[in-house]
Amino acid sequence: MAKIGFSKEALEGNLLPDGLYEVRLEGFEPQFSSKKTSVNLNPILKIVNHPSLNNKRVFDNLNSSASWIIEAFCHAFGQTLIPNAQGGGDIPGEFPGDDEDPEKWQPYQGPLTGAVGKVLLKKTTWNGKENSKVDQWFCALGNACNIKHPTGLAK
């Protein structure tokens, strides 16, 4: 009979040291939130330019109901929201297709893919387990940005 085992590290989750990291966006794994009232974009983020943690995944749900965080996320990768007809903004790029279910969306196509940005990670505790959360997205737009981006996101 076959057995499937897991390492101690895998069971402990993705605990990374607190600090500033560069991450590359490789895509998204969108799905409805638990109440199906919003979408968790679940960006696929990998650490880059680090001596020992390259390719480690950084998790963040990036919920569509938190537009100010999504704007900070886009700015961290050097992109601005695209003005829309409602007077707000859209994430640059798209998920092709017409399906209402985000889990059936086609892979994201746009300028965020492959972009590198900076994040501050902080350890938090959720359901009795320590994990690493994005505490801040660092804006890469320099003087072209006049927005005060959120801090203290890891709670």
N, C-alpha and C. Protein backbone atom coordinates (compact mmCIF):
# COMPACT_ATOMS: atom_id res chain seq x y z
N MET A 1 0.84 -1.18 0.00
CA MET A 1 0.00 0.00 0.00
C MET A 1 0.89 1.24 0.00
N ALA A 2 0.52 2.19 -0.81
CA ALA A 2 1.29 3.44 -0.90
C ALA A 2 0.97 4.36 0.26
N LYS A 3 1.98 5.08 0.71
CA LYS A 3 1.80 6.08 1.77
C LYS A 3 2.22 7.44 1.24
N ILE A 4 1.51 8.44 1.68
CA ILE A 4 1.86 9.80 1.31
C ILE A 4 2.26 10.52 2.59
N GLY A 5 3.47 11.08 2.59
CA GLY A 5 3.97 11.76 3.78
C GLY A 5 4.30 13.22 3.49
N PHE A 6 4.43 13.98 4.57
CA PHE A 6 4.73 15.40 4.46
C PHE A 6 5.87 15.74 5.40
N SER A 7 6.74 16.65 4.97
CA SER A 7 7.84 17.08 5.82
C SER A 7 7.31 17.97 6.94
N LYS A 8 8.11 18.13 7.99
CA LYS A 8 7.76 19.02 9.09
C LYS A 8 7.55 20.43 8.57
N GLU A 9 8.42 20.89 7.65
CA GLU A 9 8.32 22.23 7.09
C GLU A 9 7.00 22.43 6.34
N ALA A 10 6.59 21.40 5.59
CA ALA A 10 5.34 21.51 4.83
C ALA A 10 4.14 21.61 5.76
N LEU A 11 4.19 20.88 6.87
CA LEU A 11 3.08 20.91 7.82
C LEU A 11 3.02 22.23 8.58
N GLU A 12 4.15 22.89 8.75
CA GLU A 12 4.18 24.16 9.47
C GLU A 12 3.70 25.32 8.61
N GLY A 13 3.62 25.13 7.31
CA GLY A 13 3.14 26.19 6.43
C GLY A 13 4.27 27.03 5.90
N ASN A 14 3.92 28.22 5.47
CA ASN A 14 4.86 29.10 4.79
C ASN A 14 5.31 30.23 5.71
N LEU A 15 5.99 29.88 6.78
CA LEU A 15 6.47 30.89 7.72
C LEU A 15 7.81 31.43 7.24
N LEU A 16 7.84 32.71 6.96
CA LEU A 16 9.05 33.38 6.48
C LEU A 16 9.47 34.42 7.50
N PRO A 17 10.75 34.72 7.59
CA PRO A 17 11.19 35.76 8.52
C PRO A 17 10.57 37.11 8.17
N ASP A 18 10.22 37.89 9.20
CA ASP A 18 9.73 39.25 8.97
C ASP A 18 10.77 40.02 8.17
N GLY A 19 10.31 40.87 7.28
CA GLY A 19 11.26 41.70 6.55
C GLY A 19 10.75 42.14 5.20
N LEU A 20 11.61 42.88 4.52
CA LEU A 20 11.33 43.42 3.20
C LEU A 20 11.81 42.42 2.16
N TYR A 21 10.94 42.11 1.19
CA TYR A 21 11.26 41.15 0.14
C TYR A 21 10.86 41.68 -1.22
N GLU A 22 11.57 41.23 -2.24
CA GLU A 22 11.14 41.45 -3.61
C GLU A 22 10.40 40.20 -4.04
N VAL A 23 9.25 40.40 -4.67
CA VAL A 23 8.44 39.27 -5.14
C VAL A 23 8.09 39.46 -6.61
N ARG A 24 7.99 38.34 -7.31
CA ARG A 24 7.59 38.36 -8.72
C ARG A 24 6.18 37.77 -8.80
N LEU A 25 5.31 38.45 -9.54
CA LEU A 25 3.95 37.95 -9.74
C LEU A 25 3.95 36.98 -10.91
N GLU A 26 3.54 35.76 -10.66
CA GLU A 26 3.52 34.74 -11.71
C GLU A 26 2.12 34.48 -12.25
N GLY A 27 1.11 35.01 -11.61
CA GLY A 27 -0.27 34.82 -12.06
C GLY A 27 -1.22 34.91 -10.89
N PHE A 28 -2.44 34.44 -11.10
CA PHE A 28 -3.47 34.47 -10.07
C PHE A 28 -4.19 33.13 -10.04
N GLU A 29 -4.78 32.81 -8.88
CA GLU A 29 -5.63 31.64 -8.72
C GLU A 29 -6.96 32.11 -8.15
N PRO A 30 -7.79 32.82 -8.96
CA PRO A 30 -9.00 33.43 -8.43
C PRO A 30 -10.06 32.42 -7.99
N GLN A 31 -10.79 32.79 -6.94
CA GLN A 31 -11.93 32.00 -6.48
C GLN A 31 -12.86 32.90 -5.68
N PHE A 32 -14.13 32.50 -5.57
CA PHE A 32 -15.06 33.28 -4.77
C PHE A 32 -14.61 33.28 -3.31
N SER A 33 -14.94 34.35 -2.59
CA SER A 33 -14.76 34.36 -1.15
C SER A 33 -15.73 33.35 -0.55
N SER A 34 -15.60 33.06 0.73
CA SER A 34 -16.45 32.04 1.35
C SER A 34 -17.94 32.38 1.23
N LYS A 35 -18.30 33.65 1.27
CA LYS A 35 -19.71 34.05 1.16
C LYS A 35 -20.14 34.29 -0.29
N LYS A 36 -19.21 34.15 -1.22
CA LYS A 36 -19.47 34.35 -2.66
C LYS A 36 -19.94 35.77 -2.98
N THR A 37 -19.54 36.74 -2.15
CA THR A 37 -19.91 38.13 -2.39
C THR A 37 -18.76 38.92 -3.00
N SER A 38 -17.58 38.31 -3.05
CA SER A 38 -16.41 38.96 -3.63
C SER A 38 -15.48 37.87 -4.15
N VAL A 39 -14.37 38.30 -4.74
CA VAL A 39 -13.41 37.35 -5.32
C VAL A 39 -12.06 37.51 -4.64
N ASN A 40 -11.48 36.39 -4.24
CA ASN A 40 -10.09 36.36 -3.77
C ASN A 40 -9.24 36.09 -5.01
N LEU A 41 -8.38 37.05 -5.36
CA LEU A 41 -7.54 36.89 -6.55
C LEU A 41 -6.39 35.93 -6.33
N ASN A 42 -5.96 35.72 -5.09
CA ASN A 42 -4.89 34.78 -4.75
C ASN A 42 -3.70 34.89 -5.70
N PRO A 43 -2.97 36.00 -5.63
CA PRO A 43 -1.81 36.14 -6.52
C PRO A 43 -0.75 35.08 -6.22
N ILE A 44 -0.10 34.60 -7.26
CA ILE A 44 1.01 33.66 -7.11
C ILE A 44 2.27 34.51 -7.07
N LEU A 45 2.82 34.67 -5.87
CA LEU A 45 3.98 35.52 -5.64
C LEU A 45 5.17 34.67 -5.21
N LYS A 46 6.30 34.87 -5.83
CA LYS A 46 7.52 34.15 -5.48
C LYS A 46 8.62 35.14 -5.11
N ILE A 47 9.35 34.85 -4.04
CA ILE A 47 10.46 35.70 -3.63
C ILE A 47 11.58 35.60 -4.66
N VAL A 48 12.16 36.75 -5.00
CA VAL A 48 13.30 36.82 -5.93
C VAL A 48 14.40 37.67 -5.30
N ASN A 49 15.60 37.54 -5.84
CA ASN A 49 16.76 38.34 -5.43
C ASN A 49 17.07 38.22 -3.94
N HIS A 50 16.92 37.02 -3.40
CA HIS A 50 17.22 36.77 -2.00
C HIS A 50 18.24 35.64 -1.92
N PRO A 51 19.24 35.75 -1.05
CA PRO A 51 20.30 34.74 -1.02
C PRO A 51 19.85 33.33 -0.65
N SER A 52 18.77 33.18 0.15
CA SER A 52 18.40 31.83 0.56
C SER A 52 16.91 31.50 0.39
N LEU A 53 16.07 32.48 0.04
CA LEU A 53 14.63 32.22 -0.04
C LEU A 53 14.05 32.36 -1.44
N ASN A 54 14.89 32.40 -2.46
CA ASN A 54 14.37 32.51 -3.83
C ASN A 54 13.34 31.43 -4.12
N ASN A 55 12.28 31.82 -4.80
CA ASN A 55 11.19 30.95 -5.23
C ASN A 55 10.27 30.48 -4.12
N LYS A 56 10.47 30.94 -2.88
CA LYS A 56 9.51 30.64 -1.81
C LYS A 56 8.24 31.43 -2.10
N ARG A 57 7.11 30.81 -1.89
CA ARG A 57 5.83 31.47 -2.19
C ARG A 57 5.39 32.35 -1.03
N VAL A 58 4.87 33.51 -1.39
CA VAL A 58 4.27 34.45 -0.45
C VAL A 58 2.76 34.41 -0.72
N PHE A 59 1.97 34.16 0.31
CA PHE A 59 0.52 34.04 0.14
C PHE A 59 -0.19 35.33 0.54
N ASP A 60 -1.20 35.68 -0.24
CA ASP A 60 -2.08 36.81 0.05
C ASP A 60 -3.37 36.56 -0.73
N ASN A 61 -4.53 36.84 -0.11
CA ASN A 61 -5.76 36.55 -0.84
C ASN A 61 -6.17 37.67 -1.79
N LEU A 62 -5.81 38.91 -1.52
CA LEU A 62 -6.11 40.06 -2.38
C LEU A 62 -7.59 40.06 -2.79
N ASN A 63 -8.45 40.35 -1.81
CA ASN A 63 -9.89 40.31 -2.02
C ASN A 63 -10.39 41.51 -2.80
N SER A 64 -11.31 41.27 -3.72
CA SER A 64 -11.82 42.32 -4.60
C SER A 64 -12.61 43.40 -3.85
N SER A 65 -13.04 43.13 -2.64
CA SER A 65 -13.77 44.15 -1.88
C SER A 65 -12.83 45.15 -1.21
N ALA A 66 -11.54 44.91 -1.25
CA ALA A 66 -10.54 45.82 -0.67
C ALA A 66 -9.80 46.53 -1.79
N SER A 67 -10.50 47.43 -2.47
CA SER A 67 -9.94 48.10 -3.65
C SER A 67 -8.68 48.90 -3.34
N TRP A 68 -8.60 49.50 -2.15
CA TRP A 68 -7.42 50.28 -1.78
C TRP A 68 -6.18 49.40 -1.66
N ILE A 69 -6.35 48.14 -1.29
CA ILE A 69 -5.22 47.21 -1.22
C ILE A 69 -4.83 46.76 -2.62
N ILE A 70 -5.82 46.52 -3.46
CA ILE A 70 -5.53 46.14 -4.85
C ILE A 70 -4.79 47.27 -5.56
N GLU A 71 -5.18 48.51 -5.28
CA GLU A 71 -4.47 49.65 -5.88
C GLU A 71 -3.02 49.68 -5.41
N ALA A 72 -2.79 49.46 -4.12
CA ALA A 72 -1.41 49.42 -3.59
C ALA A 72 -0.64 48.26 -4.21
N PHE A 73 -1.29 47.12 -4.39
CA PHE A 73 -0.69 45.95 -5.03
C PHE A 73 -0.22 46.31 -6.44
N CYS A 74 -1.09 46.91 -7.23
CA CYS A 74 -0.73 47.29 -8.61
C CYS A 74 0.42 48.30 -8.60
N HIS A 75 0.37 49.29 -7.72
CA HIS A 75 1.43 50.28 -7.64
C HIS A 75 2.77 49.64 -7.26
N ALA A 76 2.74 48.60 -6.43
CA ALA A 76 3.98 47.92 -6.04
C ALA A 76 4.67 47.30 -7.25
N PHE A 77 3.89 46.98 -8.27
CA PHE A 77 4.44 46.38 -9.49
C PHE A 77 4.59 47.41 -10.61
N GLY A 78 4.48 48.69 -10.25
CA GLY A 78 4.72 49.76 -11.20
C GLY A 78 3.56 50.04 -12.14
N GLN A 79 2.36 49.59 -11.79
CA GLN A 79 1.19 49.77 -12.65
C GLN A 79 0.12 50.58 -11.91
N THR A 80 -0.64 51.35 -12.66
CA THR A 80 -1.77 52.07 -12.09
C THR A 80 -3.06 51.39 -12.52
N LEU A 81 -4.13 51.66 -11.78
CA LEU A 81 -5.44 51.17 -12.19
C LEU A 81 -5.86 51.92 -13.45
N ILE A 82 -6.59 51.25 -14.31
CA ILE A 82 -7.08 51.84 -15.55
C ILE A 82 -8.43 52.48 -15.26
N PRO A 83 -8.59 53.79 -15.52
CA PRO A 83 -9.89 54.43 -15.24
C PRO A 83 -11.03 53.68 -15.94
N ASN A 84 -12.16 53.54 -15.21
CA ASN A 84 -13.32 52.85 -15.79
C ASN A 84 -14.53 53.78 -15.85
N ALA A 85 -15.62 53.29 -16.43
CA ALA A 85 -16.83 54.10 -16.65
C ALA A 85 -17.50 54.51 -15.33
N GLN A 86 -17.25 53.80 -14.25
CA GLN A 86 -17.86 54.12 -12.96
C GLN A 86 -17.07 55.18 -12.20
N GLY A 87 -15.99 55.68 -12.80
CA GLY A 87 -15.17 56.69 -12.14
C GLY A 87 -14.09 56.11 -11.24
N GLY A 88 -14.02 54.81 -11.17
CA GLY A 88 -13.00 54.13 -10.38
C GLY A 88 -11.88 53.63 -11.27
N GLY A 89 -11.37 52.44 -10.97
CA GLY A 89 -10.30 51.89 -11.77
C GLY A 89 -10.36 50.38 -11.86
N ASP A 90 -9.77 49.85 -12.91
CA ASP A 90 -9.68 48.41 -13.14
C ASP A 90 -8.22 47.98 -13.07
N ILE A 91 -8.01 46.75 -12.66
CA ILE A 91 -6.67 46.18 -12.70
C ILE A 91 -6.22 46.15 -14.16
N PRO A 92 -4.99 46.57 -14.47
CA PRO A 92 -4.54 46.49 -15.86
C PRO A 92 -4.46 45.03 -16.31
N GLY A 93 -4.90 44.78 -17.51
CA GLY A 93 -4.94 43.41 -18.02
C GLY A 93 -6.34 42.83 -17.83
N GLU A 94 -6.45 41.52 -18.07
CA GLU A 94 -7.77 40.89 -17.99
C GLU A 94 -7.66 39.39 -17.77
N PHE A 95 -8.79 38.83 -17.34
CA PHE A 95 -8.99 37.39 -17.28
C PHE A 95 -9.95 37.08 -18.42
N PRO A 96 -9.47 36.63 -19.58
CA PRO A 96 -10.35 36.42 -20.73
C PRO A 96 -11.48 35.43 -20.44
N GLY A 97 -12.57 35.62 -21.13
CA GLY A 97 -13.73 34.74 -21.00
C GLY A 97 -14.88 35.45 -20.32
N ASP A 98 -16.06 34.83 -20.40
CA ASP A 98 -17.27 35.44 -19.87
C ASP A 98 -17.83 34.72 -18.66
N ASP A 99 -17.17 33.73 -18.16
CA ASP A 99 -17.72 32.93 -17.08
C ASP A 99 -17.87 33.74 -15.80
N GLU A 100 -18.97 33.57 -15.10
CA GLU A 100 -19.21 34.26 -13.83
C GLU A 100 -18.37 33.67 -12.70
N ASP A 101 -18.00 32.42 -12.81
CA ASP A 101 -17.24 31.73 -11.76
C ASP A 101 -15.75 32.02 -11.94
N PRO A 102 -15.14 32.72 -10.97
CA PRO A 102 -13.72 33.06 -11.12
C PRO A 102 -12.79 31.85 -11.24
N GLU A 103 -13.21 30.71 -10.72
CA GLU A 103 -12.37 29.51 -10.83
C GLU A 103 -12.33 28.99 -12.27
N LYS A 104 -13.23 29.48 -13.11
CA LYS A 104 -13.26 29.07 -14.51
C LYS A 104 -12.69 30.14 -15.44
N TRP A 105 -12.24 31.25 -14.86
CA TRP A 105 -11.64 32.30 -15.68
C TRP A 105 -10.39 31.77 -16.37
N GLN A 106 -10.11 32.31 -17.53
CA GLN A 106 -8.86 32.00 -18.22
C GLN A 106 -7.72 32.67 -17.47
N PRO A 107 -6.49 32.20 -17.64
CA PRO A 107 -5.36 32.83 -16.94
C PRO A 107 -5.24 34.32 -17.27
N TYR A 108 -4.86 35.08 -16.25
CA TYR A 108 -4.68 36.52 -16.38
C TYR A 108 -3.69 36.83 -17.50
N GLN A 109 -4.01 37.85 -18.29
CA GLN A 109 -3.11 38.35 -19.31
C GLN A 109 -2.95 39.84 -19.09
N GLY A 110 -1.73 40.28 -18.84
CA GLY A 110 -1.53 41.69 -18.63
C GLY A 110 -0.14 42.02 -18.12
N PRO A 111 0.11 43.30 -17.89
CA PRO A 111 1.45 43.77 -17.55
C PRO A 111 1.92 43.41 -16.15
N LEU A 112 1.03 42.91 -15.30
CA LEU A 112 1.47 42.53 -13.95
C LEU A 112 2.26 41.21 -13.96
N THR A 113 1.97 40.35 -14.91
CA THR A 113 2.65 39.05 -14.98
C THR A 113 4.15 39.25 -15.18
N GLY A 114 4.92 38.65 -14.30
CA GLY A 114 6.38 38.73 -14.38
C GLY A 114 6.97 39.97 -13.75
N ALA A 115 6.12 40.90 -13.32
CA ALA A 115 6.61 42.13 -12.69
C ALA A 115 7.13 41.83 -11.28
N VAL A 116 8.09 42.64 -10.84
CA VAL A 116 8.68 42.48 -9.51
C VAL A 116 8.33 43.69 -8.67
N GLY A 117 7.91 43.42 -7.44
CA GLY A 117 7.57 44.49 -6.49
C GLY A 117 8.13 44.18 -5.11
N LYS A 118 7.98 45.15 -4.21
CA LYS A 118 8.50 44.98 -2.85
C LYS A 118 7.35 44.90 -1.86
N VAL A 119 7.50 43.99 -0.89
CA VAL A 119 6.52 43.81 0.17
C VAL A 119 7.23 43.72 1.52
N LEU A 120 6.51 44.09 2.55
CA LEU A 120 6.96 43.88 3.92
C LEU A 120 6.14 42.73 4.47
N LEU A 121 6.82 41.68 4.91
CA LEU A 121 6.12 40.53 5.51
C LEU A 121 6.23 40.60 7.02
N LYS A 122 5.17 40.14 7.67
CA LYS A 122 5.12 40.14 9.12
C LYS A 122 4.44 38.85 9.57
N LYS A 123 4.96 38.26 10.67
CA LYS A 123 4.34 37.05 11.21
C LYS A 123 3.07 37.42 11.95
N THR A 124 2.03 36.61 11.72
CA THR A 124 0.76 36.76 12.43
C THR A 124 0.32 35.38 12.89
N THR A 125 -0.69 35.35 13.72
CA THR A 125 -1.25 34.07 14.17
C THR A 125 -2.71 34.01 13.76
N TRP A 126 -3.09 32.93 13.11
CA TRP A 126 -4.47 32.72 12.69
C TRP A 126 -4.82 31.27 12.96
N ASN A 127 -5.93 31.05 13.64
CA ASN A 127 -6.36 29.70 14.03
C ASN A 127 -5.27 28.95 14.79
N GLY A 128 -4.54 29.69 15.62
CA GLY A 128 -3.50 29.07 16.44
C GLY A 128 -2.20 28.75 15.73
N LYS A 129 -2.08 29.12 14.45
CA LYS A 129 -0.86 28.85 13.69
C LYS A 129 -0.21 30.14 13.25
N GLU A 130 1.10 30.18 13.36
CA GLU A 130 1.84 31.34 12.86
C GLU A 130 1.96 31.24 11.35
N ASN A 131 1.83 32.38 10.68
CA ASN A 131 2.05 32.43 9.24
C ASN A 131 2.55 33.82 8.87
N SER A 132 3.02 33.95 7.68
CA SER A 132 3.56 35.23 7.19
C SER A 132 2.51 35.92 6.32
N LYS A 133 2.28 37.18 6.60
CA LYS A 133 1.29 37.97 5.85
C LYS A 133 1.95 39.22 5.29
N VAL A 134 1.41 39.71 4.19
CA VAL A 134 1.86 40.99 3.63
C VAL A 134 1.36 42.09 4.56
N ASP A 135 2.29 42.86 5.10
CA ASP A 135 1.95 43.98 5.98
C ASP A 135 1.88 45.29 5.20
N GLN A 136 2.62 45.35 4.09
CA GLN A 136 2.63 46.57 3.27
C GLN A 136 3.15 46.25 1.88
N TRP A 137 2.52 46.88 0.89
CA TRP A 137 2.99 46.88 -0.50
C TRP A 137 3.71 48.19 -0.70
N PHE A 138 4.93 48.17 -1.23
CA PHE A 138 5.70 49.40 -1.43
C PHE A 138 5.51 49.92 -2.85
N CYS A 139 5.06 51.15 -2.95
CA CYS A 139 4.76 51.78 -4.23
C CYS A 139 6.04 51.97 -5.05
N ALA A 140 5.98 51.57 -6.32
CA ALA A 140 7.12 51.70 -7.23
C ALA A 140 6.96 52.87 -8.20
N LEU A 141 5.93 53.69 -8.00
CA LEU A 141 5.65 54.77 -8.94
C LEU A 141 6.39 56.06 -8.62
N GLY A 142 7.03 56.14 -7.48
CA GLY A 142 7.80 57.33 -7.12
C GLY A 142 6.94 58.57 -7.09
N ASN A 143 7.45 59.66 -7.67
CA ASN A 143 6.74 60.94 -7.65
C ASN A 143 5.46 60.94 -8.47
N ALA A 144 5.24 59.92 -9.28
CA ALA A 144 4.02 59.84 -10.08
C ALA A 144 2.82 59.43 -9.23
N CYS A 145 3.04 59.10 -7.96
CA CYS A 145 1.97 58.66 -7.07
C CYS A 145 1.78 59.66 -5.94
N ASN A 146 0.54 60.04 -5.69
CA ASN A 146 0.25 60.94 -4.58
C ASN A 146 -0.73 60.31 -3.60
N ILE A 147 -0.83 58.99 -3.62
CA ILE A 147 -1.75 58.24 -2.77
C ILE A 147 -1.03 57.76 -1.52
N LYS A 148 -1.68 57.87 -0.37
CA LYS A 148 -1.14 57.30 0.86
C LYS A 148 -1.60 55.84 0.92
N HIS A 149 -0.67 54.94 0.68
CA HIS A 149 -1.01 53.52 0.64
C HIS A 149 -1.13 52.94 2.05
N PRO A 150 -1.95 51.90 2.19
CA PRO A 150 -2.17 51.31 3.51
C PRO A 150 -0.94 50.60 4.07
N THR A 151 -0.82 50.65 5.37
CA THR A 151 0.22 49.91 6.10
C THR A 151 -0.48 49.11 7.20
N GLY A 152 0.25 48.22 7.82
CA GLY A 152 -0.33 47.44 8.92
C GLY A 152 -1.41 46.48 8.45
N LEU A 153 -1.24 45.90 7.26
CA LEU A 153 -2.25 44.99 6.70
C LEU A 153 -2.26 43.62 7.39
N ALA A 154 -1.14 43.21 7.93
CA ALA A 154 -1.06 41.89 8.59
C ALA A 154 -1.64 42.01 9.99
N LYS A 155 -2.73 41.36 10.18
CA LYS A 155 -3.40 41.42 11.51
C LYS A 155 -3.76 40.06 11.97
